[in-house]
């Protein structure tokens, strides 16, 4: 699953710079996480960095974006350009 930021966000600005995939940005009222870019830090870190630094614990799993750890790792590979290329045959 990708992560999401709840409306308890206090706009403290600590999560955005911690995201290795640039998935966090300022929304209309609070910070938001782009599920297409969020890998829960799989491939980069052992734990989700935004969750680690959030002072109000407002970053949770997004119930609308169900992904396995394998899918998240595949997304990481694609985002970082490390996905294996299929040989042309």
Protein backbone atom coordinates (compact mmCIF):
# COMPACT_ATOMS: atom_id res chain seq x y z
CA UNK A 1 0.00 0.00 0.00
CA UNK A 2 1.08 3.52 -0.56
CA UNK A 3 0.91 5.93 2.32
CA UNK A 4 -1.42 8.87 2.82
CA UNK A 5 -1.46 11.94 5.03
CA UNK A 6 -4.58 12.50 7.12
CA UNK A 7 -6.20 15.83 7.89
CA UNK A 8 -4.39 15.86 11.22
CA UNK A 9 -1.35 17.16 9.31
CA UNK A 10 -0.01 20.38 10.84
CA UNK A 11 2.04 21.40 7.75
CA UNK A 12 5.28 21.24 9.70
CA UNK A 13 7.31 20.61 6.51
CA UNK A 14 9.43 17.76 7.90
CA UNK A 15 8.10 14.91 5.74
CA UNK A 16 8.56 16.37 2.26
CA UNK A 17 12.38 16.51 2.19
CA UNK A 18 12.62 12.98 3.65
CA UNK A 19 10.85 11.30 0.72
CA UNK A 20 13.40 9.69 -1.63
CA UNK A 21 10.83 9.50 -4.44
CA UNK A 22 9.54 13.09 -4.22
CA UNK A 23 6.06 11.66 -3.62
CA UNK A 24 5.14 14.28 -0.99
CA UNK A 25 4.04 17.76 -1.95
CA UNK A 26 2.02 20.62 -0.51
CA UNK A 27 -1.66 20.19 -1.29
CA UNK A 28 -4.41 22.79 -1.04
CA UNK A 29 -4.63 22.50 2.74
CA UNK A 30 -2.17 19.81 3.88
CA UNK A 31 0.68 17.81 2.46
CA UNK A 32 -0.30 14.97 0.13
CA UNK A 33 1.38 11.79 -1.07
CA UNK A 34 1.22 10.76 -4.73
CA UNK A 35 0.47 7.01 -4.62
CA UNK A 36 2.08 6.56 -8.04
CA UNK A 37 5.41 7.64 -6.52
CA UNK A 38 5.15 6.24 -2.99
CA UNK A 39 7.01 2.98 -2.37
CA UNK A 40 6.89 3.24 1.44
CA UNK A 41 10.67 3.75 1.06
CA UNK A 42 11.10 0.13 -0.08
CA UNK A 43 14.40 -0.04 -1.93
CA UNK A 44 15.71 3.05 -0.17
CA UNK A 45 15.24 2.50 3.58
CA UNK A 46 14.12 -0.14 6.06
CA UNK A 47 11.24 2.04 7.29
CA UNK A 48 9.14 4.79 5.76
CA UNK A 49 11.06 7.98 6.42
CA UNK A 50 8.02 10.28 6.45
CA UNK A 51 6.37 8.15 9.11
CA UNK A 52 9.55 8.23 11.18
CA UNK A 53 9.77 12.04 11.24
CA UNK A 54 6.08 12.96 11.48
CA UNK A 55 5.51 14.59 14.89
CA UNK A 56 1.73 14.01 14.87
CA UNK A 57 1.57 10.47 13.43
CA UNK A 58 -0.74 11.50 10.60
CA UNK A 59 0.81 9.31 7.89
CA UNK A 60 -0.99 6.01 7.48
CA UNK A 61 -1.47 3.25 4.92
CA UNK A 62 -3.79 4.35 2.13
CA UNK A 63 -6.73 1.92 2.14
CA UNK A 64 -7.50 2.83 -1.49
CA UNK A 65 -4.05 1.81 -2.76
CA UNK A 66 -3.38 -1.86 -2.07
CA UNK A 67 0.11 -3.03 -3.09
CA UNK A 68 2.33 -5.88 -1.99
CA UNK A 69 5.94 -5.36 -0.97
CA UNK A 70 6.91 -6.94 -4.30
CA UNK A 71 4.78 -4.41 -6.20
CA UNK A 72 6.26 -1.56 -4.19
CA UNK A 73 9.76 -2.84 -4.96
CA UNK A 74 8.86 -3.08 -8.64
CA UNK A 75 7.68 0.54 -8.52
CA UNK A 76 10.98 1.49 -6.84
CA UNK A 77 12.91 -0.22 -9.65
CA UNK A 78 10.87 1.56 -12.31
CA UNK A 79 11.15 4.97 -10.61
CA UNK A 80 14.90 4.69 -10.19
CA UNK A 81 15.54 3.31 -13.68
CA UNK A 82 16.78 0.04 -12.25
CA UNK A 83 14.04 -2.14 -13.75
CA UNK A 84 15.52 -4.95 -15.77
CA UNK A 85 15.27 -4.42 -19.48
CA UNK A 86 13.81 -7.32 -21.43
CA UNK A 87 16.23 -8.33 -24.23
CA UNK A 88 14.84 -7.77 -27.70
CA UNK A 89 14.64 -11.06 -29.39
